[in-house]
Amino acid sequence: MRKDDVWNAGMNVAWQNYVETTGKNISLEEFMSTPIKMYRGTRGQTEIKSDVWVSFSLDKKIAESFGDQIEEITIRPMDTWGSYQTTAEGEILVPKMWLKKKGLRN
């Protein structure tokens, strides 16, 4: 399987999760370029320096179940690595380099 195939699969799963979570039935093309709010809940734990991505949720309540410190970002799905699960929190993988570029991480 090529890298593009994996990324396309991740985008399709992220889109399906978005439609299911929000009830907004938008096209995949519209989804890809629309800035979307995502959430991450923590309890103040430190990040692992070698990680290359950070997981966020489309659902704030799910993020809150991971901790009371809620981080909110707005990002276009095309700037993420997508989602690779359709159950539980349906996390979206955001590259740490994008967060660093936006001044949200060191």
Protein backbone atom coordinates (compact mmCIF):
# COMPACT_ATOMS: atom_id res chain seq x y z
CA MET A 1 0.00 0.00 0.00
CA ARG A 2 1.35 3.45 -0.92
CA LYS A 3 1.57 6.36 1.51
CA ASP A 4 -1.09 8.23 -0.49
CA ASP A 5 -3.48 5.31 -0.09
CA VAL A 6 -3.03 5.34 3.69
CA TRP A 7 -3.54 9.12 3.87
CA ASN A 8 -6.66 8.88 1.69
CA ALA A 9 -8.04 6.17 3.96
CA GLY A 10 -7.35 8.35 7.02
CA MET A 11 -9.15 11.30 5.43
CA ASN A 12 -12.17 9.19 4.55
CA VAL A 13 -12.43 7.84 8.10
CA ALA A 14 -12.02 11.38 9.51
CA TRP A 15 -14.79 12.62 7.19
CA GLN A 16 -17.11 9.78 8.23
CA ASN A 17 -16.38 10.53 11.90
CA TYR A 18 -17.10 14.25 11.29
CA VAL A 19 -20.44 13.56 9.59
CA GLU A 20 -21.46 11.15 12.37
CA THR A 21 -20.29 13.44 15.20
CA THR A 22 -21.75 16.69 13.89
CA GLY A 23 -24.68 15.51 11.78
CA LYS A 24 -23.46 17.81 8.98
CA ASN A 25 -23.64 15.94 5.71
CA ILE A 26 -20.98 17.80 3.73
CA SER A 27 -18.96 16.43 0.83
CA LEU A 28 -15.46 15.05 1.35
CA GLU A 29 -14.06 17.92 -0.73
CA GLU A 30 -15.77 20.54 1.44
CA PHE A 31 -14.68 18.73 4.60
CA MET A 32 -11.03 18.71 3.54
CA SER A 33 -10.76 22.50 3.26
CA THR A 34 -13.15 23.61 6.02
CA PRO A 35 -11.47 24.78 9.26
CA ILE A 36 -12.83 22.58 12.05
CA LYS A 37 -12.60 22.90 15.83
CA MET A 38 -10.91 19.98 17.56
CA TYR A 39 -10.28 19.31 21.22
CA ARG A 40 -7.69 17.59 23.40
CA GLY A 41 -8.08 16.89 27.09
CA THR A 42 -5.12 16.34 29.40
CA ARG A 43 -4.31 16.18 33.08
CA GLY A 44 -1.08 18.16 32.69
CA GLN A 45 1.08 15.21 31.69
CA THR A 46 4.24 15.96 29.74
CA GLU A 47 4.46 15.08 26.08
CA ILE A 48 6.90 12.58 24.68
CA LYS A 49 9.46 14.57 22.70
CA SER A 50 9.86 11.89 20.00
CA ASP A 51 6.13 11.85 19.13
CA VAL A 52 5.40 13.29 15.70
CA TRP A 53 1.64 13.74 16.14
CA VAL A 54 -0.90 14.72 18.78
CA SER A 55 -4.42 13.30 18.89
CA PHE A 56 -7.48 15.53 19.01
CA SER A 57 -11.20 14.79 19.09
CA LEU A 58 -14.07 16.32 17.17
CA ASP A 59 -16.19 16.00 20.33
CA LYS A 60 -15.38 18.23 23.31
CA LYS A 61 -17.10 15.83 25.73
CA ILE A 62 -14.78 13.03 24.63
CA ALA A 63 -11.77 15.32 25.13
CA GLU A 64 -13.02 16.17 28.63
CA SER A 65 -13.00 12.47 29.50
CA PHE A 66 -9.20 12.54 29.08
CA GLY A 67 -8.68 15.46 31.44
CA ASP A 68 -9.94 18.81 32.61
CA GLN A 69 -7.31 20.85 30.75
CA ILE A 70 -8.94 21.31 27.36
CA GLU A 71 -6.96 22.51 24.38
CA GLU A 72 -8.93 23.75 21.38
CA ILE A 73 -7.53 24.20 17.88
CA THR A 74 -9.04 25.06 14.53
CA ILE A 75 -7.46 23.21 11.62
CA ARG A 76 -8.37 22.13 8.12
CA PRO A 77 -8.55 18.34 7.86
CA MET A 78 -6.16 18.48 4.88
CA ASP A 79 -3.49 19.67 7.36
CA THR A 80 -3.91 16.57 9.55
CA TRP A 81 -3.01 12.91 9.10
CA GLY A 82 -6.67 11.92 9.33
CA SER A 83 -8.33 9.35 11.55
CA TYR A 84 -7.76 5.61 11.61
CA GLN A 85 -10.52 4.38 13.90
CA THR A 86 -14.29 4.54 13.75
CA THR A 87 -14.97 3.65 17.38
CA ALA A 88 -14.53 5.36 20.75
CA GLU A 89 -13.00 8.82 20.47
CA GLY A 90 -12.38 8.81 16.69
CA GLU A 91 -9.13 10.69 17.20
CA ILE A 92 -7.72 12.92 14.48
CA LEU A 93 -3.93 12.92 14.25
CA VAL A 94 -2.41 16.41 14.08
CA PRO A 95 1.27 16.72 13.17
CA LYS A 96 3.31 18.29 15.98
CA MET A 97 5.13 20.36 13.35
CA TRP A 98 1.79 22.07 12.45
CA LEU A 99 1.19 22.85 16.13
CA LYS A 100 4.73 24.21 16.46
CA LYS A 101 4.30 26.35 13.33
CA LYS A 102 1.12 27.85 14.84
CA GLY A 103 2.94 28.52 18.12
CA LEU A 104 0.91 25.94 20.05
CA ARG A 105 3.86 23.64 20.88
CA ASN A 106 7.61 24.01 21.38
